[in-house]
N, C-alpha and C. Protein backbone atom coordinates (compact mmCIF):
# COMPACT_ATOMS: atom_id res chain seq x y z
N UNK A 1 42.99 -59.07 111.86
CA UNK A 1 42.57 -58.40 112.20
C UNK A 1 41.80 -57.60 110.94
N UNK A 2 42.56 -57.05 109.97
CA UNK A 2 42.24 -56.89 108.50
C UNK A 2 41.17 -58.00 107.95
N UNK A 3 41.73 -59.57 107.94
CA UNK A 3 41.19 -60.44 107.63
C UNK A 3 39.33 -60.79 108.18
N UNK A 4 39.28 -60.65 109.30
CA UNK A 4 38.23 -60.35 110.16
C UNK A 4 37.33 -58.95 109.33
N UNK A 5 37.84 -58.27 109.56
CA UNK A 5 37.02 -57.32 109.02
C UNK A 5 36.61 -57.55 107.82
N UNK A 6 37.22 -58.35 106.59
CA UNK A 6 37.05 -58.43 105.33
C UNK A 6 35.64 -59.40 105.20
N UNK A 7 36.33 -60.33 106.33
CA UNK A 7 35.26 -61.59 106.31
C UNK A 7 33.90 -61.02 106.95
N UNK A 8 33.72 -59.92 108.07
CA UNK A 8 32.80 -59.55 108.52
C UNK A 8 31.67 -58.63 107.45
N UNK A 9 32.95 -58.08 106.50
CA UNK A 9 32.41 -57.13 105.49
C UNK A 9 31.54 -57.68 104.47
N UNK A 10 31.92 -59.13 104.11
CA UNK A 10 31.51 -60.03 102.95
C UNK A 10 30.61 -60.63 103.61
N UNK A 11 30.58 -61.15 104.64
CA UNK A 11 28.82 -61.59 105.71
C UNK A 11 28.30 -60.45 105.70
N UNK A 12 28.02 -59.77 106.17
CA UNK A 12 27.71 -58.23 106.24
C UNK A 12 26.56 -58.32 104.69
N UNK A 13 27.76 -57.94 103.79
CA UNK A 13 26.83 -57.67 102.76
C UNK A 13 26.35 -58.54 101.72
N UNK A 14 26.33 -60.19 102.07
CA UNK A 14 25.97 -61.03 101.98
C UNK A 14 24.99 -61.03 102.46
N UNK A 15 24.27 -60.62 103.73
CA UNK A 15 23.31 -60.71 104.23
C UNK A 15 22.19 -59.74 103.88
N UNK A 16 22.96 -58.52 104.05
CA UNK A 16 22.15 -57.64 102.96
C UNK A 16 21.46 -58.07 101.85
N UNK A 17 22.48 -58.30 100.48
CA UNK A 17 21.89 -58.81 99.56
C UNK A 17 20.58 -60.12 99.73
N UNK A 18 20.70 -61.01 100.29
CA UNK A 18 20.03 -62.22 100.50
C UNK A 18 18.64 -61.54 101.11
N UNK A 19 18.66 -60.71 101.77
CA UNK A 19 17.37 -59.61 102.31
C UNK A 19 16.92 -59.18 101.20
N UNK A 20 17.62 -57.89 100.54
CA UNK A 20 17.18 -57.45 99.36
C UNK A 20 16.51 -58.51 98.35
N UNK A 21 17.05 -59.58 98.08
CA UNK A 21 16.81 -60.52 97.62
C UNK A 21 15.44 -60.95 98.10
N UNK A 22 15.24 -61.61 99.14
CA UNK A 22 14.11 -61.84 99.85
C UNK A 22 12.79 -61.08 99.40
N UNK A 23 13.25 -59.76 99.82
CA UNK A 23 12.20 -59.16 99.65
C UNK A 23 11.86 -58.88 98.41
N UNK A 24 12.82 -59.02 97.18
CA UNK A 24 12.36 -58.78 95.59
C UNK A 24 11.46 -59.96 95.28
N UNK A 25 11.80 -61.32 95.91
CA UNK A 25 10.98 -62.30 95.54
C UNK A 25 9.63 -62.43 96.01
N UNK A 26 9.39 -61.77 97.30
CA UNK A 26 8.12 -62.16 98.28
C UNK A 26 7.57 -60.81 97.27
N UNK A 27 8.05 -59.79 96.90
CA UNK A 27 7.19 -58.79 96.04
C UNK A 27 6.57 -59.51 94.55
N UNK A 28 7.57 -59.85 94.08
CA UNK A 28 7.12 -60.77 92.83
C UNK A 28 6.02 -61.49 93.37
N UNK A 29 5.90 -62.49 94.28
CA UNK A 29 4.77 -63.35 94.32
C UNK A 29 3.34 -62.63 94.80
N UNK A 30 3.22 -62.15 95.70
CA UNK A 30 2.58 -60.90 95.91
C UNK A 30 1.83 -60.55 95.16
N UNK A 31 2.49 -60.05 93.95
CA UNK A 31 2.36 -59.25 92.41
C UNK A 31 1.52 -60.75 92.12
N UNK A 32 2.13 -61.57 91.72
CA UNK A 32 1.41 -62.53 91.04
C UNK A 32 -0.14 -62.95 91.48
N UNK A 33 0.01 -63.32 92.91
CA UNK A 33 -1.13 -63.39 93.57
C UNK A 33 -1.77 -62.39 93.38
N UNK A 34 -1.67 -61.12 93.76
CA UNK A 34 -3.19 -60.12 93.07
C UNK A 34 -3.18 -60.35 91.57
N UNK A 35 -2.81 -60.59 90.72
CA UNK A 35 -2.75 -60.91 89.24
C UNK A 35 -3.60 -61.80 89.14
N UNK A 36 -3.04 -63.60 89.55
CA UNK A 36 -4.38 -64.45 89.80
C UNK A 36 -5.52 -64.18 90.01
N UNK A 37 -5.50 -63.51 91.60
CA UNK A 37 -7.16 -62.75 92.09
C UNK A 37 -8.04 -62.09 90.84
N UNK A 38 -7.00 -60.89 90.73
CA UNK A 38 -8.07 -60.23 89.27
C UNK A 38 -8.59 -61.32 88.54
N UNK A 39 -7.64 -61.77 87.88
CA UNK A 39 -8.22 -62.88 86.90
C UNK A 39 -9.16 -63.84 87.44
N UNK A 40 -9.36 -64.62 88.58
CA UNK A 40 -10.34 -65.48 89.19
C UNK A 40 -11.45 -64.74 88.91
N UNK A 41 -11.31 -63.58 89.54
CA UNK A 41 -12.79 -62.54 90.19
C UNK A 41 -13.23 -62.07 89.05
N UNK A 42 -12.23 -62.08 87.48
CA UNK A 42 -13.05 -61.43 86.52
C UNK A 42 -13.43 -62.90 85.72
N UNK A 43 -13.25 -64.14 85.81
CA UNK A 43 -13.77 -65.33 85.42
C UNK A 43 -14.98 -65.66 86.14
N UNK A 44 -14.94 -65.15 87.30
CA UNK A 44 -16.24 -65.17 88.62
C UNK A 44 -17.42 -64.45 87.80
N UNK A 45 -16.91 -62.95 87.54
CA UNK A 45 -17.93 -62.40 87.19
C UNK A 45 -18.62 -63.23 85.86
N UNK A 46 -17.80 -63.41 84.99
CA UNK A 46 -18.42 -63.99 83.77
C UNK A 46 -18.92 -64.86 84.17
N UNK A 47 -18.89 -65.78 84.79
CA UNK A 47 -19.05 -66.95 84.60
C UNK A 47 -21.02 -66.71 85.30
N UNK A 48 -21.02 -65.84 86.58
CA UNK A 48 -22.03 -65.16 86.99
C UNK A 48 -23.22 -64.49 85.98
N UNK A 49 -22.30 -63.52 85.23
CA UNK A 49 -23.32 -62.87 84.34
C UNK A 49 -23.21 -64.12 83.34
N UNK A 50 -23.28 -64.93 82.60
CA UNK A 50 -23.79 -66.40 81.93
C UNK A 50 -25.00 -66.98 82.49
N UNK A 51 -25.26 -66.91 83.98
CA UNK A 51 -26.13 -67.79 84.63
C UNK A 51 -27.41 -66.84 85.28
N UNK A 52 -26.94 -65.69 84.75
CA UNK A 52 -28.23 -64.48 85.95
C UNK A 52 -28.89 -64.03 84.58
N UNK A 53 -29.91 -64.46 84.52
CA UNK A 53 -30.70 -63.17 83.30
C UNK A 53 -31.83 -62.70 84.15
N UNK A 54 -31.61 -61.01 83.69
CA UNK A 54 -32.81 -60.32 84.17
C UNK A 54 -34.06 -60.65 82.94
N UNK A 55 -35.13 -60.95 83.71
CA UNK A 55 -36.37 -61.10 82.27
C UNK A 55 -36.87 -59.98 81.51
N UNK A 56 -36.83 -59.66 80.14
CA UNK A 56 -38.04 -58.75 80.01
C UNK A 56 -39.12 -59.72 79.51
N UNK A 57 -40.17 -59.50 80.20
CA UNK A 57 -41.73 -60.55 79.61
C UNK A 57 -42.65 -59.73 78.94
N UNK A 58 -43.07 -60.38 77.71
CA UNK A 58 -43.89 -59.69 76.83
C UNK A 58 -45.31 -60.87 76.73
N UNK A 59 -46.41 -59.94 76.59
CA UNK A 59 -47.35 -61.13 76.64
C UNK A 59 -48.36 -60.88 75.32
N UNK A 60 -48.72 -61.41 74.43
CA UNK A 60 -48.88 -61.51 72.67
C UNK A 60 -50.01 -62.85 73.01
N UNK A 61 -51.50 -62.55 72.72
CA UNK A 61 -52.71 -62.83 72.44
C UNK A 61 -52.45 -64.33 73.63
N UNK A 62 -52.43 -64.17 74.91
CA UNK A 62 -52.68 -65.14 76.04
C UNK A 62 -51.12 -66.04 76.14
N UNK A 63 -49.86 -65.32 75.21
CA UNK A 63 -48.71 -66.09 75.37
C UNK A 63 -47.96 -65.14 75.89
N UNK A 64 -46.79 -65.87 77.01
CA UNK A 64 -45.93 -64.68 77.57
C UNK A 64 -44.39 -65.05 76.80
N UNK A 65 -43.79 -64.78 76.76
CA UNK A 65 -42.37 -64.55 75.69
C UNK A 65 -41.53 -64.08 76.65
N UNK A 66 -40.60 -64.54 77.01
CA UNK A 66 -39.14 -64.20 77.79
C UNK A 66 -38.15 -63.98 77.38
N UNK A 67 -37.80 -62.71 77.46
CA UNK A 67 -36.21 -62.27 76.68
C UNK A 67 -35.79 -61.86 77.78
N UNK A 68 -33.72 -62.12 77.50
CA UNK A 68 -33.16 -61.52 78.19
C UNK A 68 -32.97 -59.77 78.07
N UNK A 69 -33.56 -59.41 79.11
CA UNK A 69 -33.68 -58.21 79.58
C UNK A 69 -32.33 -57.40 78.63
N UNK A 70 -30.78 -57.92 78.88
CA UNK A 70 -29.70 -57.32 78.57
C UNK A 70 -28.80 -57.00 77.21
N UNK A 71 -29.28 -58.62 76.59
CA UNK A 71 -29.32 -58.73 75.26
C UNK A 71 -30.13 -59.40 74.42
N UNK A 72 -31.87 -59.33 74.81
CA UNK A 72 -32.48 -59.62 73.80
C UNK A 72 -32.57 -60.48 73.49
N UNK A 73 -32.20 -61.87 73.87
CA UNK A 73 -32.23 -63.04 73.45
C UNK A 73 -33.51 -63.92 73.83
N UNK A 74 -33.66 -64.59 73.15
CA UNK A 74 -35.24 -65.91 73.56
C UNK A 74 -35.01 -66.38 74.47
N UNK A 75 -35.47 -66.56 75.33
CA UNK A 75 -35.26 -67.71 76.83
C UNK A 75 -36.18 -68.34 76.83
N UNK A 76 -37.90 -68.39 76.71
CA UNK A 76 -38.60 -69.00 77.08
C UNK A 76 -40.09 -68.27 76.34
N UNK A 77 -41.28 -69.20 76.19
CA UNK A 77 -42.37 -68.82 75.51
C UNK A 77 -43.55 -69.75 76.75
N UNK A 78 -44.53 -69.64 77.21
CA UNK A 78 -45.97 -70.40 77.45
C UNK A 78 -46.91 -69.49 78.00
N UNK A 79 -48.29 -70.52 78.22
CA UNK A 79 -49.10 -69.83 78.63
C UNK A 79 -48.97 -69.26 79.73
N UNK A 80 -48.58 -70.19 81.03
CA UNK A 80 -48.64 -70.54 82.26
C UNK A 80 -47.25 -70.24 82.41
N UNK A 81 -46.66 -69.83 83.95
CA UNK A 81 -46.07 -70.46 84.55
C UNK A 81 -45.05 -71.67 84.33
N UNK A 82 -46.38 -72.26 84.63
CA UNK A 82 -45.72 -73.91 84.67
C UNK A 82 -45.17 -73.81 83.08
N UNK A 83 -45.58 -73.86 81.94
CA UNK A 83 -45.37 -73.95 80.90
C UNK A 83 -43.87 -73.60 80.72
N UNK A 84 -43.42 -72.32 81.25
CA UNK A 84 -42.56 -71.64 81.08
C UNK A 84 -41.46 -72.51 82.14
N UNK A 85 -41.67 -72.69 83.48
CA UNK A 85 -41.15 -73.39 84.24
C UNK A 85 -40.89 -75.17 83.58
N UNK A 86 -41.52 -75.59 82.97
CA UNK A 86 -41.28 -76.92 82.05
C UNK A 86 -39.87 -75.99 80.85
N UNK A 87 -39.62 -75.26 79.95
CA UNK A 87 -38.98 -75.15 79.29
C UNK A 87 -37.66 -75.08 80.14
N UNK A 88 -37.94 -74.00 81.18
CA UNK A 88 -36.64 -73.70 81.77
C UNK A 88 -36.11 -74.80 82.06
N UNK A 89 -36.74 -75.92 83.18
CA UNK A 89 -36.62 -76.86 83.57
C UNK A 89 -35.10 -77.91 82.44
N UNK A 90 -35.72 -77.79 81.02
CA UNK A 90 -35.16 -78.55 80.01
C UNK A 90 -33.99 -77.80 79.35
N UNK A 91 -33.87 -76.60 79.49
CA UNK A 91 -32.95 -75.81 78.63
C UNK A 91 -32.11 -75.16 79.48
N UNK A 92 -32.54 -74.39 80.70
CA UNK A 92 -31.46 -73.55 81.69
C UNK A 92 -31.38 -73.87 83.08
N UNK A 93 -30.83 -75.58 83.55
CA UNK A 93 -30.44 -75.83 84.79
C UNK A 93 -29.23 -74.88 85.15
N UNK A 94 -29.28 -74.47 86.02
CA UNK A 94 -28.87 -73.98 87.51
C UNK A 94 -28.51 -72.20 86.31
N UNK A 95 -29.42 -72.08 86.01
CA UNK A 95 -29.68 -70.25 86.35
C UNK A 95 -30.53 -69.80 86.88
N UNK A 96 -30.20 -68.43 86.60
CA UNK A 96 -31.11 -67.37 87.73
C UNK A 96 -31.80 -66.44 87.07
N UNK A 97 -32.82 -66.09 86.74
CA UNK A 97 -33.91 -65.56 86.34
C UNK A 97 -34.63 -64.18 87.05
N UNK A 98 -34.26 -63.40 87.15
CA UNK A 98 -35.18 -62.11 87.96
C UNK A 98 -36.19 -61.75 87.15
N UNK A 99 -37.28 -61.45 87.48
CA UNK A 99 -38.50 -61.34 86.64
C UNK A 99 -38.71 -59.80 87.19
N UNK A 100 -38.68 -59.50 88.32
CA UNK A 100 -38.95 -58.30 88.18
C UNK A 100 -37.90 -57.54 89.66
N UNK A 101 -38.11 -56.77 90.36
CA UNK A 101 -37.36 -56.35 91.87
C UNK A 101 -37.56 -57.37 92.70
N UNK A 102 -39.05 -57.89 92.88
CA UNK A 102 -39.28 -58.85 94.06
C UNK A 102 -39.75 -59.71 93.97
N UNK A 103 -39.17 -60.66 92.26
CA UNK A 103 -39.65 -61.82 92.11
C UNK A 103 -38.02 -62.35 91.57
N UNK A 104 -37.81 -63.64 91.64
CA UNK A 104 -36.74 -64.65 91.12
C UNK A 104 -37.21 -65.86 90.60
N UNK A 105 -36.63 -66.66 89.66
CA UNK A 105 -36.77 -67.94 89.43
C UNK A 105 -35.76 -68.64 89.31
N UNK A 106 -35.34 -69.52 89.60
CA UNK A 106 -34.10 -70.74 89.59
C UNK A 106 -33.98 -71.80 89.85
N UNK A 107 -33.22 -72.54 89.07
CA UNK A 107 -33.20 -73.96 88.70
C UNK A 107 -32.69 -75.04 89.84
N UNK A 108 -32.88 -75.89 90.12
CA UNK A 108 -33.36 -76.81 89.40
C UNK A 108 -34.40 -77.17 89.03
N UNK A 109 -35.29 -76.76 90.50
CA UNK A 109 -36.76 -76.77 90.50
C UNK A 109 -37.64 -75.88 89.84
N UNK A 110 -36.76 -74.48 89.06
CA UNK A 110 -37.47 -73.35 89.08
C UNK A 110 -38.71 -72.83 90.14
N UNK A 111 -38.91 -72.86 91.34
CA UNK A 111 -40.31 -72.65 91.71
C UNK A 111 -39.93 -70.89 91.80
N UNK A 112 -41.20 -70.38 92.27
CA UNK A 112 -40.64 -68.89 92.36
C UNK A 112 -40.53 -68.27 93.73
N UNK A 113 -39.65 -67.17 93.39
CA UNK A 113 -39.28 -66.49 94.86
C UNK A 113 -39.36 -65.38 95.05
N UNK A 114 -40.27 -65.15 96.10
CA UNK A 114 -40.34 -63.59 95.88
C UNK A 114 -39.02 -62.97 97.16
N UNK A 115 -38.88 -62.03 96.38
CA UNK A 115 -38.13 -61.13 97.36
C UNK A 115 -38.72 -59.50 98.08
N UNK A 116 -38.75 -59.45 99.45
CA UNK A 116 -39.41 -58.95 100.28
C UNK A 116 -38.19 -57.82 100.33
N UNK A 117 -38.46 -56.41 100.15
CA UNK A 117 -37.21 -55.70 101.15
C UNK A 117 -37.41 -55.26 102.08
N UNK A 118 -36.56 -54.96 102.92
CA UNK A 118 -36.44 -54.41 104.33
C UNK A 118 -36.41 -53.22 104.13
N UNK A 119 -36.38 -52.35 103.33
CA UNK A 119 -35.93 -51.24 103.57
C UNK A 119 -37.08 -50.58 103.50
N UNK A 120 -37.19 -48.78 104.12
CA UNK A 120 -38.90 -48.63 104.28
C UNK A 120 -38.81 -47.34 103.09
N UNK A 121 -39.97 -47.14 102.41
CA UNK A 121 -40.47 -46.53 101.20
C UNK A 121 -40.62 -45.19 102.00
């Protein structure tokens, strides 16, 4: 009977240790999953930030100049939207340009898209 109690104690202790070990391993896996998700999310936002540009438009002597609103980098210039579209097609494939709160233009064709708010003023 004493040996049976020792075996039962050993098996019980082993099962408890196994259960605790599995909990720790699964918590670690969950932690790694969350860290990977956060890293992927940050990379995704960086990629989106590199592809979406808010446009600051200036006009001088009939020429439109487009600059990135956030970093003031030059984007394109042209006398008409068609000239600007030609530059965008050549240099800015798969980018999105937000012109105003209600207008944007995006590749690959760079047709102008009007966004109308559904909110009432």
